[in-house]
Amino acid sequence: ADINVQDLSDPREIIRKCKESWSKGYPFCVVSS
């Protein structure tokens, strides 16, 4: 499959995405291949 292979995300981006999800009232899930 032609997909984007990506190394581990920057921890600051994980924290930012978590807060963004919480601001909408949603649980936040991190997933790794």
All heavy atoms as atom14 arrays in JSON, in Angstrom:
{
  "sequence": "ADINVQDLSDPREIIRKCKESWSKGYPFCVVSS",
  "atom14_mask": [
    [1, 1, 1, 1, 1, 0, 0, 0, 0, 0, 0, 0, 0, 0],
    [1, 1, 1, 1, 1, 1, 1, 1, 0, 0, 0, 0, 0, 0],
    [1, 1, 1, 1, 1, 1, 1, 1, 0, 0, 0, 0, 0, 0],
    [1, 1, 1, 1, 1, 1, 1, 1, 0, 0, 0, 0, 0, 0],
    [1, 1, 1, 1, 1, 1, 1, 0, 0, 0, 0, 0, 0, 0],
    [1, 1, 1, 1, 1, 1, 1, 1, 1, 0, 0, 0, 0, 0],
    [1, 1, 1, 1, 1, 1, 1, 1, 0, 0, 0, 0, 0, 0],
    [1, 1, 1, 1, 1, 1, 1, 1, 0, 0, 0, 0, 0, 0],
    [1, 1, 1, 1, 1, 1, 0, 0, 0, 0, 0, 0, 0, 0],
    [1, 1, 1, 1, 1, 1, 1, 1, 0, 0, 0, 0, 0, 0],
    [1, 1, 1, 1, 1, 1, 1, 0, 0, 0, 0, 0, 0, 0],
    [1, 1, 1, 1, 1, 1, 1, 1, 1, 1, 1, 0, 0, 0],
    [1, 1, 1, 1, 1, 1, 1, 1, 1, 0, 0, 0, 0, 0],
    [1, 1, 1, 1, 1, 1, 1, 1, 0, 0, 0, 0, 0, 0],
    [1, 1, 1, 1, 1, 1, 1, 1, 0, 0, 0, 0, 0, 0],
    [1, 1, 1, 1, 1, 1, 1, 1, 1, 1, 1, 0, 0, 0],
    [1, 1, 1, 1, 1, 1, 1, 1, 1, 0, 0, 0, 0, 0],
    [1, 1, 1, 1, 1, 1, 0, 0, 0, 0, 0, 0, 0, 0],
    [1, 1, 1, 1, 1, 1, 1, 1, 1, 0, 0, 0, 0, 0],
    [1, 1, 1, 1, 1, 1, 1, 1, 1, 0, 0, 0, 0, 0],
    [1, 1, 1, 1, 1, 1, 0, 0, 0, 0, 0, 0, 0, 0],
    [1, 1, 1, 1, 1, 1, 1, 1, 1, 1, 1, 1, 1, 1],
    [1, 1, 1, 1, 1, 1, 0, 0, 0, 0, 0, 0, 0, 0],
    [1, 1, 1, 1, 1, 1, 1, 1, 1, 0, 0, 0, 0, 0],
    [1, 1, 1, 1, 0, 0, 0, 0, 0, 0, 0, 0, 0, 0],
    [1, 1, 1, 1, 1, 1, 1, 1, 1, 1, 1, 1, 0, 0],
    [1, 1, 1, 1, 1, 1, 1, 0, 0, 0, 0, 0, 0, 0],
    [1, 1, 1, 1, 1, 1, 1, 1, 1, 1, 1, 0, 0, 0],
    [1, 1, 1, 1, 1, 1, 0, 0, 0, 0, 0, 0, 0, 0],
    [1, 1, 1, 1, 1, 1, 1, 0, 0, 0, 0, 0, 0, 0],
    [1, 1, 1, 1, 1, 1, 1, 0, 0, 0, 0, 0, 0, 0],
    [1, 1, 1, 1, 1, 1, 0, 0, 0, 0, 0, 0, 0, 0],
    [1, 1, 1, 1, 1, 1, 0, 0, 0, 0, 0, 0, 0, 0]
  ],
  "atom14_positions": [
    [[0.83, -1.2, 0.0], [0.0, 0.0, 0.0], [0.87, 1.25, 0.0], [1.94, 1.29, 0.62], [-0.91, 0.0, 1.22], [0.0, 0.0, 0.0], [0.0, 0.0, 0.0], [0.0, 0.0, 0.0], [0.0, 0.0, 0.0], [0.0, 0.0, 0.0], [0.0, 0.0, 0.0], [0.0, 0.0, 0.0], [0.0, 0.0, 0.0], [0.0, 0.0, 0.0]],
    [[0.41, 2.25, -0.7], [1.14, 3.52, -0.79], [0.67, 4.43, 0.34], [-0.28, 5.19, 0.21], [0.87, 4.17, -2.15], [1.66, 5.47, -2.32], [2.63, 5.69, -1.55], [1.3, 6.26, -3.21], [0.0, 0.0, 0.0], [0.0, 0.0, 0.0], [0.0, 0.0, 0.0], [0.0, 0.0, 0.0], [0.0, 0.0, 0.0], [0.0, 0.0, 0.0]],
    [[1.34, 4.33, 1.49], [0.99, 5.17, 2.63], [2.23, 5.89, 3.13], [3.37, 5.54, 2.78], [0.38, 4.35, 3.8], [1.43, 3.38, 4.37], [-0.87, 3.62, 3.37], [1.07, 2.86, 5.73], [0.0, 0.0, 0.0], [0.0, 0.0, 0.0], [0.0, 0.0, 0.0], [0.0, 0.0, 0.0], [0.0, 0.0, 0.0], [0.0, 0.0, 0.0]],
    [[2.0, 6.89, 3.95], [3.09, 7.66, 4.52], [3.69, 6.92, 5.72], [3.01, 6.69, 6.72], [2.57, 9.03, 4.97], [3.67, 9.89, 5.58], [4.8, 9.87, 5.11], [3.33, 10.63, 6.62], [0.0, 0.0, 0.0], [0.0, 0.0, 0.0], [0.0, 0.0, 0.0], [0.0, 0.0, 0.0], [0.0, 0.0, 0.0], [0.0, 0.0, 0.0]],
    [[4.95, 6.51, 5.6], [5.65, 5.87, 6.72], [6.22, 6.98, 7.6], [6.97, 7.83, 7.13], [6.77, 4.94, 6.23], [7.52, 4.34, 7.41], [6.19, 3.83, 5.35], [0.0, 0.0, 0.0], [0.0, 0.0, 0.0], [0.0, 0.0, 0.0], [0.0, 0.0, 0.0], [0.0, 0.0, 0.0], [0.0, 0.0, 0.0], [0.0, 0.0, 0.0]],
    [[5.85, 6.95, 8.87], [6.2, 8.04, 9.77], [6.81, 7.51, 11.06], [6.28, 6.58, 11.67], [4.92, 8.84, 10.1], [5.06, 9.86, 11.21], [3.71, 10.32, 11.72], [2.86, 10.76, 10.94], [3.49, 10.21, 13.01], [0.0, 0.0, 0.0], [0.0, 0.0, 0.0], [0.0, 0.0, 0.0], [0.0, 0.0, 0.0], [0.0, 0.0, 0.0]],
    [[7.94, 8.08, 11.45], [8.53, 7.73, 12.74], [7.68, 8.31, 13.87], [6.71, 9.03, 13.63], [9.96, 8.29, 12.82], [10.91, 7.54, 11.89], [10.65, 6.36, 11.61], [11.9, 8.15, 11.44], [0.0, 0.0, 0.0], [0.0, 0.0, 0.0], [0.0, 0.0, 0.0], [0.0, 0.0, 0.0], [0.0, 0.0, 0.0], [0.0, 0.0, 0.0]],
    [[8.08, 8.01, 15.09], [7.3, 8.44, 16.26], [7.09, 9.95, 16.27], [8.02, 10.73, 16.04], [8.02, 8.02, 17.54], [7.23, 8.2, 18.83], [6.05, 7.24, 18.88], [8.15, 7.99, 20.04], [0.0, 0.0, 0.0], [0.0, 0.0, 0.0], [0.0, 0.0, 0.0], [0.0, 0.0, 0.0], [0.0, 0.0, 0.0], [0.0, 0.0, 0.0]],
    [[5.86, 10.35, 16.55], [5.51, 11.77, 16.59], [6.26, 12.49, 17.7], [6.63, 11.9, 18.73], [4.01, 11.94, 16.81], [3.27, 11.39, 15.75], [0.0, 0.0, 0.0], [0.0, 0.0, 0.0], [0.0, 0.0, 0.0], [0.0, 0.0, 0.0], [0.0, 0.0, 0.0], [0.0, 0.0, 0.0], [0.0, 0.0, 0.0], [0.0, 0.0, 0.0]],
    [[6.45, 13.78, 17.51], [7.04, 14.63, 18.54], [6.12, 14.63, 19.77], [4.91, 14.81, 19.63], [7.19, 16.06, 18.0], [7.98, 16.96, 18.93], [7.58, 17.1, 20.1], [8.98, 17.54, 18.47], [0.0, 0.0, 0.0], [0.0, 0.0, 0.0], [0.0, 0.0, 0.0], [0.0, 0.0, 0.0], [0.0, 0.0, 0.0], [0.0, 0.0, 0.0]],
    [[6.67, 14.44, 20.96], [5.84, 14.43, 22.18], [5.0, 15.7, 22.33], [3.87, 15.63, 22.82], [6.87, 14.31, 23.31], [8.06, 13.69, 22.69], [8.09, 14.16, 21.27], [0.0, 0.0, 0.0], [0.0, 0.0, 0.0], [0.0, 0.0, 0.0], [0.0, 0.0, 0.0], [0.0, 0.0, 0.0], [0.0, 0.0, 0.0], [0.0, 0.0, 0.0]],
    [[5.53, 16.84, 21.89], [4.77, 18.09, 22.0], [3.52, 18.04, 21.13], [2.48, 18.61, 21.48], [5.65, 19.27, 21.61], [6.79, 19.55, 22.58], [7.78, 20.54, 22.01], [8.45, 20.01, 20.82], [9.4, 20.66, 20.16], [9.79, 21.86, 20.55], [9.97, 20.11, 19.1], [0.0, 0.0, 0.0], [0.0, 0.0, 0.0], [0.0, 0.0, 0.0]],
    [[3.6, 17.35, 19.99], [2.43, 17.22, 19.12], [1.39, 16.28, 19.73], [0.19, 16.51, 19.6], [2.88, 16.69, 17.75], [1.78, 16.61, 16.7], [1.2, 17.96, 16.31], [1.72, 19.02, 16.74], [0.19, 17.96, 15.58], [0.0, 0.0, 0.0], [0.0, 0.0, 0.0], [0.0, 0.0, 0.0], [0.0, 0.0, 0.0], [0.0, 0.0, 0.0]],
    [[1.85, 15.24, 20.42], [0.93, 14.35, 21.11], [0.16, 15.12, 22.18], [-1.07, 15.02, 22.28], [1.68, 13.16, 21.74], [2.32, 12.29, 20.66], [0.76, 12.33, 22.63], [3.2, 11.17, 21.18], [0.0, 0.0, 0.0], [0.0, 0.0, 0.0], [0.0, 0.0, 0.0], [0.0, 0.0, 0.0], [0.0, 0.0, 0.0], [0.0, 0.0, 0.0]],
    [[0.87, 15.92, 22.95], [0.23, 16.71, 24.01], [-0.75, 17.72, 23.41], [-1.87, 17.89, 23.9], [1.3, 17.42, 24.87], [2.15, 16.38, 25.6], [0.66, 18.39, 25.85], [3.4, 16.94, 26.25], [0.0, 0.0, 0.0], [0.0, 0.0, 0.0], [0.0, 0.0, 0.0], [0.0, 0.0, 0.0], [0.0, 0.0, 0.0], [0.0, 0.0, 0.0]],
    [[-0.37, 18.35, 22.32], [-1.23, 19.35, 21.67], [-2.51, 18.7, 21.16], [-3.62, 19.21, 21.36], [-0.5, 20.04, 20.52], [-1.29, 21.2, 19.9], [-0.61, 21.73, 18.65], [-0.71, 20.81, 17.51], [-1.81, 20.7, 16.76], [-2.9, 21.41, 17.03], [-1.83, 19.85, 15.74], [0.0, 0.0, 0.0], [0.0, 0.0, 0.0], [0.0, 0.0, 0.0]],
    [[-2.37, 17.56, 20.51], [-3.53, 16.86, 19.97], [-4.46, 16.37, 21.09], [-5.69, 16.39, 20.94], [-3.08, 15.67, 19.12], [-2.46, 16.05, 17.78], [-3.54, 16.44, 16.79], [-2.99, 16.57, 15.38], [-4.05, 16.93, 14.41], [0.0, 0.0, 0.0], [0.0, 0.0, 0.0], [0.0, 0.0, 0.0], [0.0, 0.0, 0.0], [0.0, 0.0, 0.0]],
    [[-3.86, 15.95, 22.19], [-4.65, 15.5, 23.32], [-5.51, 16.65, 23.86], [-6.72, 16.5, 24.06], [-3.74, 14.95, 24.41], [-4.62, 14.36, 25.88], [0.0, 0.0, 0.0], [0.0, 0.0, 0.0], [0.0, 0.0, 0.0], [0.0, 0.0, 0.0], [0.0, 0.0, 0.0], [0.0, 0.0, 0.0], [0.0, 0.0, 0.0], [0.0, 0.0, 0.0]],
    [[-4.9, 17.78, 24.08], [-5.64, 18.93, 24.61], [-6.72, 19.39, 23.63], [-7.81, 19.8, 24.04], [-4.66, 20.06, 24.92], [-3.74, 19.75, 26.1], [-2.78, 20.91, 26.37], [-1.91, 20.6, 27.59], [-0.93, 21.69, 27.86], [0.0, 0.0, 0.0], [0.0, 0.0, 0.0], [0.0, 0.0, 0.0], [0.0, 0.0, 0.0], [0.0, 0.0, 0.0]],
    [[-6.42, 19.32, 22.34], [-7.4, 19.71, 21.33], [-8.61, 18.78, 21.37], [-9.77, 19.24, 21.27], [-6.74, 19.65, 19.95], [-7.64, 20.03, 18.79], [-6.93, 19.9, 17.46], [-5.85, 20.5, 17.29], [-7.45, 19.17, 16.58], [0.0, 0.0, 0.0], [0.0, 0.0, 0.0], [0.0, 0.0, 0.0], [0.0, 0.0, 0.0], [0.0, 0.0, 0.0]],
    [[-8.38, 17.49, 21.53], [-9.47, 16.53, 21.6], [-10.31, 16.76, 22.86], [-11.54, 16.76, 22.81], [-8.91, 15.1, 21.58], [-9.94, 14.14, 21.63], [0.0, 0.0, 0.0], [0.0, 0.0, 0.0], [0.0, 0.0, 0.0], [0.0, 0.0, 0.0], [0.0, 0.0, 0.0], [0.0, 0.0, 0.0], [0.0, 0.0, 0.0], [0.0, 0.0, 0.0]],
    [[-9.63, 16.95, 23.98], [-10.34, 17.19, 25.23], [-11.18, 18.46, 25.19], [-12.25, 18.52, 25.8], [-9.34, 17.28, 26.37], [-8.77, 15.97, 26.8], [-9.09, 14.73, 26.32], [-7.76, 15.76, 27.78], [-8.33, 13.77, 26.96], [-7.52, 14.37, 27.84], [-7.03, 16.62, 28.61], [-6.59, 13.82, 28.73], [-6.1, 16.08, 29.48], [-5.89, 14.69, 29.54]],
    [[-10.7, 19.46, 24.47], [-11.45, 20.72, 24.4], [-12.82, 20.52, 23.74], [-13.73, 21.31, 23.95], [-10.64, 21.78, 23.63], [-10.61, 21.48, 22.24], [0.0, 0.0, 0.0], [0.0, 0.0, 0.0], [0.0, 0.0, 0.0], [0.0, 0.0, 0.0], [0.0, 0.0, 0.0], [0.0, 0.0, 0.0], [0.0, 0.0, 0.0], [0.0, 0.0, 0.0]],
    [[-12.95, 19.46, 22.95], [-14.23, 19.14, 22.29], [-15.03, 18.1, 23.07], [-16.12, 17.7, 22.66], [-13.97, 18.63, 20.87], [-13.29, 19.65, 19.96], [-13.06, 19.08, 18.58], [-12.35, 20.08, 17.67], [-13.16, 21.28, 17.43], [0.0, 0.0, 0.0], [0.0, 0.0, 0.0], [0.0, 0.0, 0.0], [0.0, 0.0, 0.0], [0.0, 0.0, 0.0]],
    [[-14.49, 17.67, 24.21], [-15.18, 16.68, 25.02], [-14.98, 15.25, 24.58], [-15.76, 14.36, 24.93], [0.0, 0.0, 0.0], [0.0, 0.0, 0.0], [0.0, 0.0, 0.0], [0.0, 0.0, 0.0], [0.0, 0.0, 0.0], [0.0, 0.0, 0.0], [0.0, 0.0, 0.0], [0.0, 0.0, 0.0], [0.0, 0.0, 0.0], [0.0, 0.0, 0.0]],
    [[-13.91, 15.0, 23.8], [-13.67, 13.66, 23.27], [-12.51, 12.98, 23.98], [-11.48, 13.61, 24.24], [-13.32, 13.71, 21.78], [-14.36, 14.31, 20.88], [-13.99, 14.88, 19.68], [-15.7, 14.31, 21.23], [-14.94, 15.44, 18.83], [-16.65, 14.86, 20.4], [-16.27, 15.43, 19.19], [-17.2, 15.97, 18.36], [0.0, 0.0, 0.0], [0.0, 0.0, 0.0]],
    [[-12.61, 11.67, 24.27], [-11.44, 10.92, 24.67], [-10.39, 10.95, 23.55], [-10.74, 11.07, 22.37], [-11.97, 9.5, 24.88], [-13.43, 9.68, 25.16], [-13.84, 10.85, 24.32], [0.0, 0.0, 0.0], [0.0, 0.0, 0.0], [0.0, 0.0, 0.0], [0.0, 0.0, 0.0], [0.0, 0.0, 0.0], [0.0, 0.0, 0.0], [0.0, 0.0, 0.0]],
    [[-9.14, 10.81, 23.93], [-8.02, 10.9, 22.98], [-7.24, 9.59, 23.02], [-6.86, 9.13, 24.1], [-7.1, 12.07, 23.36], [-5.83, 12.14, 22.58], [-5.83, 12.55, 21.26], [-4.61, 11.83, 23.18], [-4.65, 12.63, 20.53], [-3.41, 11.92, 22.46], [-3.44, 12.32, 21.14], [0.0, 0.0, 0.0], [0.0, 0.0, 0.0], [0.0, 0.0, 0.0]],
    [[-7.01, 8.99, 21.85], [-6.33, 7.7, 21.77], [-5.09, 7.79, 20.9], [-5.17, 8.23, 19.75], [-7.28, 6.64, 21.21], [-6.57, 4.97, 21.16], [0.0, 0.0, 0.0], [0.0, 0.0, 0.0], [0.0, 0.0, 0.0], [0.0, 0.0, 0.0], [0.0, 0.0, 0.0], [0.0, 0.0, 0.0], [0.0, 0.0, 0.0], [0.0, 0.0, 0.0]],
    [[-3.94, 7.35, 21.44], [-2.71, 7.25, 20.64], [-2.6, 5.83, 20.11], [-2.82, 4.86, 20.82], [-1.45, 7.62, 21.46], [-1.45, 9.1, 21.8], [-1.34, 6.78, 22.74], [0.0, 0.0, 0.0], [0.0, 0.0, 0.0], [0.0, 0.0, 0.0], [0.0, 0.0, 0.0], [0.0, 0.0, 0.0], [0.0, 0.0, 0.0], [0.0, 0.0, 0.0]],
    [[-2.24, 5.73, 18.83], [-2.16, 4.43, 18.15], [-0.83, 4.35, 17.42], [-0.43, 5.31, 16.75], [-3.31, 4.24, 17.15], [-3.28, 2.84, 16.55], [-4.65, 4.52, 17.8], [0.0, 0.0, 0.0], [0.0, 0.0, 0.0], [0.0, 0.0, 0.0], [0.0, 0.0, 0.0], [0.0, 0.0, 0.0], [0.0, 0.0, 0.0], [0.0, 0.0, 0.0]],
    [[-0.14, 3.22, 17.52], [1.12, 3.04, 16.79], [1.08, 1.77, 15.97], [0.4, 0.8, 16.32], [2.31, 2.98, 17.76], [2.24, 1.81, 18.55], [0.0, 0.0, 0.0], [0.0, 0.0, 0.0], [0.0, 0.0, 0.0], [0.0, 0.0, 0.0], [0.0, 0.0, 0.0], [0.0, 0.0, 0.0], [0.0, 0.0, 0.0], [0.0, 0.0, 0.0]],
    [[1.81, 1.76, 14.86], [1.92, 0.55, 14.05], [2.98, -0.35, 14.65], [3.79, 0.05, 15.48], [2.28, 0.93, 12.61], [3.59, 1.47, 12.56], [0.0, 0.0, 0.0], [0.0, 0.0, 0.0], [0.0, 0.0, 0.0], [0.0, 0.0, 0.0], [0.0, 0.0, 0.0], [0.0, 0.0, 0.0], [0.0, 0.0, 0.0], [0.0, 0.0, 0.0]]
  ]
}
